[in-house]
């Protein structure tokens, strides 16, 4: 397949893309419901998952119901916890998808959407209106960029490159393959280096080799 062909919109019909869109939606709700900075929720969730190496949504659900069983507000008491549960299922879907276990990945996406629905219900109860539906194209493109950018950053961090440009050159094909297979995005071979460089710069990437020299 020619990697230089562009597609106008990403393929959202993969568990990994659905997970990225879910986390993006949760981040938007977090901003609106709790007045926190944009991307804070998503960044915190991903950092926590990377630190622990594993997420256990079932334990989170068990703890949630145990903690809220006798609370007078019941489910309404744990809106932010429900966000974490939904995101945990979404992250599990990413892991399962990367392992090739698509059936269980889709089950996790369904679980994530269930908890997202409860959160939207809380929002509607408190504000009297439902959140506006995401425009699929815009939401998918934003989520796609986040997903591919995070993958590029992980690849760059794991290598010993002399500069950001060196990292871009050496991870470019891997990033393009990931974008195509996991996100349905055929990146332009001419534009890919600038796109990947932007992802790394945005995430504050510093080459290991330059750190060692310093």
C-alpha atoms as a PDB file:
ATOM      1  CA  UNK A   1       0.000   0.000   0.000  1.00  0.00           C
ATOM      2  CA  UNK A   2       1.257   3.492  -0.868  1.00  0.00           C
ATOM      3  CA  UNK A   3       1.907   5.337   2.406  1.00  0.00           C
ATOM      4  CA  UNK A   4       1.834   8.715   0.657  1.00  0.00           C
ATOM      5  CA  UNK A   5      -1.930   8.668  -0.032  1.00  0.00           C
ATOM      6  CA  UNK A   6      -3.920  10.957   2.270  1.00  0.00           C
ATOM      7  CA  UNK A   7      -7.328  10.128   3.731  1.00  0.00           C
ATOM      8  CA  UNK A   8      -9.612  13.055   4.660  1.00  0.00           C
ATOM      9  CA  UNK A   9     -10.836  11.519   7.916  1.00  0.00           C
ATOM     10  CA  UNK A  10      -9.442   8.828  10.228  1.00  0.00           C
ATOM     11  CA  UNK A  11     -11.050   5.423  10.546  1.00  0.00           C
ATOM     12  CA  UNK A  12     -12.810   5.609  13.925  1.00  0.00           C
ATOM     13  CA  UNK A  13     -13.982   1.999  13.760  1.00  0.00           C
ATOM     14  CA  UNK A  14     -11.098   0.585  15.766  1.00  0.00           C
ATOM     15  CA  UNK A  15     -10.994   0.067  19.551  1.00  0.00           C
ATOM     16  CA  UNK A  16      -7.855   2.176  19.834  1.00  0.00           C
ATOM     17  CA  UNK A  17      -9.429   5.162  18.089  1.00  0.00           C
ATOM     18  CA  UNK A  18     -12.631   4.784  20.093  1.00  0.00           C
ATOM     19  CA  UNK A  19     -10.570   4.774  23.294  1.00  0.00           C
ATOM     20  CA  UNK A  20      -8.766   7.958  22.251  1.00  0.00           C
ATOM     21  CA  UNK A  21     -12.069   9.686  21.467  1.00  0.00           C
ATOM     22  CA  UNK A  22     -13.492   8.535  24.819  1.00  0.00           C
ATOM     23  CA  UNK A  23     -10.587   9.977  26.783  1.00  0.00           C
ATOM     24  CA  UNK A  24     -10.824  13.217  24.804  1.00  0.00           C
ATOM     25  CA  UNK A  25     -14.543  13.423  25.641  1.00  0.00           C
ATOM     26  CA  UNK A  26     -13.838  12.759  29.332  1.00  0.00           C
ATOM     27  CA  UNK A  27     -11.240  15.521  29.304  1.00  0.00           C
ATOM     28  CA  UNK A  28     -13.786  17.982  27.859  1.00  0.00           C
ATOM     29  CA  UNK A  29     -16.319  17.033  30.553  1.00  0.00           C
ATOM     30  CA  UNK A  30     -13.658  17.379  33.246  1.00  0.00           C
ATOM     31  CA  UNK A  31     -12.940  20.914  32.078  1.00  0.00           C
ATOM     32  CA  UNK A  32     -16.611  21.846  32.032  1.00  0.00           C
ATOM     33  CA  UNK A  33     -17.792  20.135  35.228  1.00  0.00           C
ATOM     34  CA  UNK A  34     -14.818  20.871  37.474  1.00  0.00           C
ATOM     35  CA  UNK A  35     -13.267  23.957  35.900  1.00  0.00           C
ATOM     36  CA  UNK A  36      -9.886  22.336  35.408  1.00  0.00           C
ATOM     37  CA  UNK A  37      -7.373  23.117  32.639  1.00  0.00           C
ATOM     38  CA  UNK A  38      -7.784  21.417  29.278  1.00  0.00           C
ATOM     39  CA  UNK A  39      -5.914  18.090  28.901  1.00  0.00           C
ATOM     40  CA  UNK A  40      -5.255  17.837  32.650  1.00  0.00           C
ATOM     41  CA  UNK A  41      -7.515  14.807  33.093  1.00  0.00           C
ATOM     42  CA  UNK A  42      -6.170  12.917  30.084  1.00  0.00           C
ATOM     43  CA  UNK A  43      -2.558  13.672  31.014  1.00  0.00           C
ATOM     44  CA  UNK A  44      -3.074  12.579  34.631  1.00  0.00           C
ATOM     45  CA  UNK A  45      -4.806   9.362  33.589  1.00  0.00           C
ATOM     46  CA  UNK A  46      -2.099   8.409  31.091  1.00  0.00           C
ATOM     47  CA  UNK A  47       0.702   9.307  33.524  1.00  0.00           C
ATOM     48  CA  UNK A  48      -0.888   7.191  36.252  1.00  0.00           C
ATOM     49  CA  UNK A  49      -1.261   4.242  33.898  1.00  0.00           C
ATOM     50  CA  UNK A  50       2.362   4.542  32.744  1.00  0.00           C
ATOM     51  CA  UNK A  51       3.595   4.735  36.351  1.00  0.00           C
ATOM     52  CA  UNK A  52       1.604   1.732  37.594  1.00  0.00           C
ATOM     53  CA  UNK A  53       1.997  -0.265  34.392  1.00  0.00           C
ATOM     54  CA  UNK A  54      -1.519  -1.601  34.775  1.00  0.00           C
ATOM     55  CA  UNK A  55      -5.079  -0.409  35.317  1.00  0.00           C
ATOM     56  CA  UNK A  56      -7.722  -2.475  37.076  1.00  0.00           C
ATOM     57  CA  UNK A  57     -11.171  -1.051  36.280  1.00  0.00           C
ATOM     58  CA  UNK A  58     -12.994  -3.918  38.009  1.00  0.00           C
ATOM     59  CA  UNK A  59     -11.296  -3.098  41.319  1.00  0.00           C
ATOM     60  CA  UNK A  60     -12.095   0.578  40.775  1.00  0.00           C
ATOM     61  CA  UNK A  61     -15.768  -0.309  40.224  1.00  0.00           C
ATOM     62  CA  UNK A  62     -15.833  -2.483  43.354  1.00  0.00           C
ATOM     63  CA  UNK A  63     -14.235   0.249  45.457  1.00  0.00           C
ATOM     64  CA  UNK A  64     -16.579   2.840  43.971  1.00  0.00           C
ATOM     65  CA  UNK A  65     -19.755   1.000  44.945  1.00  0.00           C
ATOM     66  CA  UNK A  66     -18.356   0.139  48.357  1.00  0.00           C
ATOM     67  CA  UNK A  67     -17.476   3.761  49.090  1.00  0.00           C
ATOM     68  CA  UNK A  68     -20.805   5.112  47.794  1.00  0.00           C
ATOM     69  CA  UNK A  69     -23.149   2.431  49.164  1.00  0.00           C
ATOM     70  CA  UNK A  70     -24.283   4.444  52.193  1.00  0.00           C
ATOM     71  CA  UNK A  71     -23.640   7.944  50.881  1.00  0.00           C
ATOM     72  CA  UNK A  72     -26.872  10.004  50.748  1.00  0.00           C
ATOM     73  CA  UNK A  73     -26.134  11.122  47.209  1.00  0.00           C
ATOM     74  CA  UNK A  74     -25.423   7.580  45.992  1.00  0.00           C
ATOM     75  CA  UNK A  75     -23.925   7.570  42.506  1.00  0.00           C
ATOM     76  CA  UNK A  76     -23.965  11.378  42.324  1.00  0.00           C
ATOM     77  CA  UNK A  77     -21.207  11.432  44.941  1.00  0.00           C
ATOM     78  CA  UNK A  78     -18.561   9.969  42.647  1.00  0.00           C
ATOM     79  CA  UNK A  79     -18.663  11.816  39.327  1.00  0.00           C
ATOM     80  CA  UNK A  80     -14.908  12.216  39.051  1.00  0.00           C
ATOM     81  CA  UNK A  81     -14.298   8.591  40.093  1.00  0.00           C
ATOM     82  CA  UNK A  82     -16.657   7.480  37.351  1.00  0.00           C
ATOM     83  CA  UNK A  83     -14.525   9.408  34.875  1.00  0.00           C
ATOM     84  CA  UNK A  84     -11.468   7.472  36.017  1.00  0.00           C
ATOM     85  CA  UNK A  85     -13.348   4.177  35.682  1.00  0.00           C
ATOM     86  CA  UNK A  86     -14.436   5.020  32.142  1.00  0.00           C
ATOM     87  CA  UNK A  87     -10.893   6.051  31.225  1.00  0.00           C
ATOM     88  CA  UNK A  88      -9.482   2.875  32.812  1.00  0.00           C
ATOM     89  CA  UNK A  89     -11.678   0.727  30.579  1.00  0.00           C
ATOM     90  CA  UNK A  90     -10.607   2.825  27.582  1.00  0.00           C
ATOM     91  CA  UNK A  91      -6.937   2.317  28.423  1.00  0.00           C
ATOM     92  CA  UNK A  92      -7.524  -1.421  28.817  1.00  0.00           C
ATOM     93  CA  UNK A  93      -9.022  -1.408  25.311  1.00  0.00           C
ATOM     94  CA  UNK A  94      -5.832   0.225  24.001  1.00  0.00           C
ATOM     95  CA  UNK A  95      -3.693  -2.488  25.607  1.00  0.00           C
ATOM     96  CA  UNK A  96      -5.924  -5.326  24.367  1.00  0.00           C
ATOM     97  CA  UNK A  97      -6.016  -3.825  20.877  1.00  0.00           C
ATOM     98  CA  UNK A  98      -2.225  -3.590  20.771  1.00  0.00           C
ATOM     99  CA  UNK A  99      -2.091  -7.270  21.790  1.00  0.00           C
ATOM    100  CA  UNK A 100      -4.455  -8.176  18.944  1.00  0.00           C
ATOM    101  CA  UNK A 101      -7.352  -9.124  21.255  1.00  0.00           C
ATOM    102  CA  UNK A 102     -10.015  -7.139  19.419  1.00  0.00           C
ATOM    103  CA  UNK A 103     -13.051  -8.936  20.893  1.00  0.00           C
ATOM    104  CA  UNK A 104     -12.155  -8.074  24.489  1.00  0.00           C
ATOM    105  CA  UNK A 105     -11.004  -4.617  23.411  1.00  0.00           C
ATOM    106  CA  UNK A 106     -14.512  -3.890  22.100  1.00  0.00           C
ATOM    107  CA  UNK A 107     -16.019  -5.205  25.370  1.00  0.00           C
ATOM    108  CA  UNK A 108     -13.853  -2.716  27.266  1.00  0.00           C
ATOM    109  CA  UNK A 109     -14.986   0.091  24.948  1.00  0.00           C
ATOM    110  CA  UNK A 110     -18.615  -0.816  25.752  1.00  0.00           C
ATOM    111  CA  UNK A 111     -17.833  -0.702  29.491  1.00  0.00           C
ATOM    112  CA  UNK A 112     -16.100   2.654  29.080  1.00  0.00           C
ATOM    113  CA  UNK A 113     -19.117   4.052  27.224  1.00  0.00           C
ATOM    114  CA  UNK A 114     -21.468   2.785  29.953  1.00  0.00           C
ATOM    115  CA  UNK A 115     -19.626   4.801  32.608  1.00  0.00           C
ATOM    116  CA  UNK A 116     -19.339   7.778  30.270  1.00  0.00           C
ATOM    117  CA  UNK A 117     -23.139   7.651  29.914  1.00  0.00           C
ATOM    118  CA  UNK A 118     -23.544   7.820  33.704  1.00  0.00           C
ATOM    119  CA  UNK A 119     -21.244  10.849  33.830  1.00  0.00           C
ATOM    120  CA  UNK A 120     -23.272  12.587  31.131  1.00  0.00           C
ATOM    121  CA  UNK A 121     -26.385  11.806  33.162  1.00  0.00           C
ATOM    122  CA  UNK A 122     -24.868  13.541  36.187  1.00  0.00           C
ATOM    123  CA  UNK A 123     -24.021  16.531  34.044  1.00  0.00           C
ATOM    124  CA  UNK A 124     -27.557  16.703  32.675  1.00  0.00           C
ATOM    125  CA  UNK A 125     -29.005  16.447  36.184  1.00  0.00           C
ATOM    126  CA  UNK A 126     -26.836  19.284  37.440  1.00  0.00           C
ATOM    127  CA  UNK A 127     -27.109  21.623  34.479  1.00  0.00           C
ATOM    128  CA  UNK A 128     -30.425  20.648  32.929  1.00  0.00           C
ATOM    129  CA  UNK A 129     -28.877  19.961  29.545  1.00  0.00           C
ATOM    130  CA  UNK A 130     -26.886  17.253  27.830  1.00  0.00           C
ATOM    131  CA  UNK A 131     -23.411  18.024  26.443  1.00  0.00           C
ATOM    132  CA  UNK A 132     -23.323  18.788  22.731  1.00  0.00           C
ATOM    133  CA  UNK A 133     -22.458  15.776  20.619  1.00  0.00           C
ATOM    134  CA  UNK A 134     -18.921  15.717  19.244  1.00  0.00           C
ATOM    135  CA  UNK A 135     -18.602  16.268  15.541  1.00  0.00           C
ATOM    136  CA  UNK A 136     -17.138  12.887  14.650  1.00  0.00           C
ATOM    137  CA  UNK A 137     -14.653  14.207  12.143  1.00  0.00           C
ATOM    138  CA  UNK A 138     -13.168  16.861  14.421  1.00  0.00           C
ATOM    139  CA  UNK A 139     -13.158  14.678  17.532  1.00  0.00           C
ATOM    140  CA  UNK A 140     -11.624  11.768  15.673  1.00  0.00           C
ATOM    141  CA  UNK A 141      -8.871  13.890  14.134  1.00  0.00           C
ATOM    142  CA  UNK A 142      -7.981  15.368  17.523  1.00  0.00           C
ATOM    143  CA  UNK A 143      -7.987  11.931  19.171  1.00  0.00           C
ATOM    144  CA  UNK A 144      -5.980  10.460  16.300  1.00  0.00           C
ATOM    145  CA  UNK A 145      -3.283  13.093  16.704  1.00  0.00           C
ATOM    146  CA  UNK A 146      -3.098  12.460  20.449  1.00  0.00           C
ATOM    147  CA  UNK A 147      -2.782   8.723  19.955  1.00  0.00           C
ATOM    148  CA  UNK A 148      -0.120   8.883  17.227  1.00  0.00           C
ATOM    149  CA  UNK A 149       1.755  11.646  19.047  1.00  0.00           C
ATOM    150  CA  UNK A 150       1.900   9.602  22.244  1.00  0.00           C
ATOM    151  CA  UNK A 151       3.188   6.605  20.280  1.00  0.00           C
ATOM    152  CA  UNK A 152       5.883   8.713  18.642  1.00  0.00           C
ATOM    153  CA  UNK A 153       6.935  10.087  22.032  1.00  0.00           C
ATOM    154  CA  UNK A 154       7.187   6.603  23.548  1.00  0.00           C
ATOM    155  CA  UNK A 155       9.334   5.438  20.624  1.00  0.00           C
ATOM    156  CA  UNK A 156      11.620   8.454  20.878  1.00  0.00           C
ATOM    157  CA  UNK A 157      12.002   8.094  24.651  1.00  0.00           C
ATOM    158  CA  UNK A 158      12.954   4.432  24.316  1.00  0.00           C
ATOM    159  CA  UNK A 159      15.785   5.117  21.841  1.00  0.00           C
ATOM    160  CA  UNK A 160      19.204   6.716  22.209  1.00  0.00           C
ATOM    161  CA  UNK A 161      19.055   9.513  19.627  1.00  0.00           C
ATOM    162  CA  UNK A 162      21.459  12.415  19.187  1.00  0.00           C
ATOM    163  CA  UNK A 163      18.768  15.001  18.447  1.00  0.00           C
ATOM    164  CA  UNK A 164      15.060  15.395  17.893  1.00  0.00           C
ATOM    165  CA  UNK A 165      15.661  15.376  14.131  1.00  0.00           C
ATOM    166  CA  UNK A 166      17.601  12.122  14.472  1.00  0.00           C
ATOM    167  CA  UNK A 167      14.709  10.590  16.422  1.00  0.00           C
ATOM    168  CA  UNK A 168      12.201  11.736  13.812  1.00  0.00           C
ATOM    169  CA  UNK A 169      14.200  10.159  10.980  1.00  0.00           C
ATOM    170  CA  UNK A 170      14.549   6.833  12.753  1.00  0.00           C
ATOM    171  CA  UNK A 171      11.023   6.418  14.118  1.00  0.00           C
ATOM    172  CA  UNK A 172       9.164   7.854  11.109  1.00  0.00           C
ATOM    173  CA  UNK A 173       8.259   4.572   9.401  1.00  0.00           C
ATOM    174  CA  UNK A 174       7.195   2.946  12.689  1.00  0.00           C
ATOM    175  CA  UNK A 175       4.960   5.935  13.480  1.00  0.00           C
ATOM    176  CA  UNK A 176       3.444   5.907   9.990  1.00  0.00           C
ATOM    177  CA  UNK A 177       2.739   2.173  10.250  1.00  0.00           C
ATOM    178  CA  UNK A 178       1.112   2.632  13.669  1.00  0.00           C
ATOM    179  CA  UNK A 179      -1.037   5.485  12.349  1.00  0.00           C
ATOM    180  CA  UNK A 180      -2.199   3.409   9.399  1.00  0.00           C
ATOM    181  CA  UNK A 181      -2.856   0.119  11.236  1.00  0.00           C
ATOM    182  CA  UNK A 182      -4.246   1.425  14.530  1.00  0.00           C
ATOM    183  CA  UNK A 183      -5.922   4.672  13.468  1.00  0.00           C
ATOM    184  CA  UNK A 184      -6.692   4.173   9.789  1.00  0.00           C
ATOM    185  CA  UNK A 185      -4.569   7.238   9.015  1.00  0.00           C
ATOM    186  CA  UNK A 186      -2.277   7.174   5.992  1.00  0.00           C
ATOM    187  CA  UNK A 187       0.220   9.916   6.770  1.00  0.00           C
ATOM    188  CA  UNK A 188       1.895  11.784   3.925  1.00  0.00           C
ATOM    189  CA  UNK A 189       5.522  10.667   3.698  1.00  0.00           C
ATOM    190  CA  UNK A 190       6.540  14.241   2.913  1.00  0.00           C
ATOM    191  CA  UNK A 191       4.609  15.802   5.798  1.00  0.00           C
ATOM    192  CA  UNK A 192       5.209  13.043   8.347  1.00  0.00           C
ATOM    193  CA  UNK A 193       8.614  14.333   9.576  1.00  0.00           C
ATOM    194  CA  UNK A 194       7.207  17.787  10.389  1.00  0.00           C
ATOM    195  CA  UNK A 195       4.140  16.238  12.031  1.00  0.00           C
ATOM    196  CA  UNK A 196       6.209  13.863  14.172  1.00  0.00           C
ATOM    197  CA  UNK A 197       8.659  16.625  15.077  1.00  0.00           C
ATOM    198  CA  UNK A 198       5.721  18.737  16.238  1.00  0.00           C
ATOM    199  CA  UNK A 199       4.433  15.880  18.405  1.00  0.00           C
ATOM    200  CA  UNK A 200       7.827  15.443  20.076  1.00  0.00           C
ATOM    201  CA  UNK A 201       8.342  19.178  20.594  1.00  0.00           C
ATOM    202  CA  UNK A 202       4.857  19.522  22.083  1.00  0.00           C
ATOM    203  CA  UNK A 203       5.642  16.772  24.601  1.00  0.00           C
ATOM    204  CA  UNK A 204       8.972  18.260  25.629  1.00  0.00           C
ATOM    205  CA  UNK A 205      11.080  15.440  24.223  1.00  0.00           C
ATOM    206  CA  UNK A 206      14.802  15.608  25.042  1.00  0.00           C
ATOM    207  CA  UNK A 207      17.158  13.061  23.394  1.00  0.00           C
ATOM    208  CA  UNK A 208      18.951  10.736  25.817  1.00  0.00           C
ATOM    209  CA  UNK A 209      22.259  11.304  24.078  1.00  0.00           C
ATOM    210  CA  UNK A 210      22.130  15.057  24.663  1.00  0.00           C
ATOM    211  CA  UNK A 211      21.210  14.455  28.320  1.00  0.00           C
ATOM    212  CA  UNK A 212      24.254  12.226  28.757  1.00  0.00           C
ATOM    213  CA  UNK A 213      26.519  14.830  27.183  1.00  0.00           C
ATOM    214  CA  UNK A 214      25.172  17.447  29.542  1.00  0.00           C
END
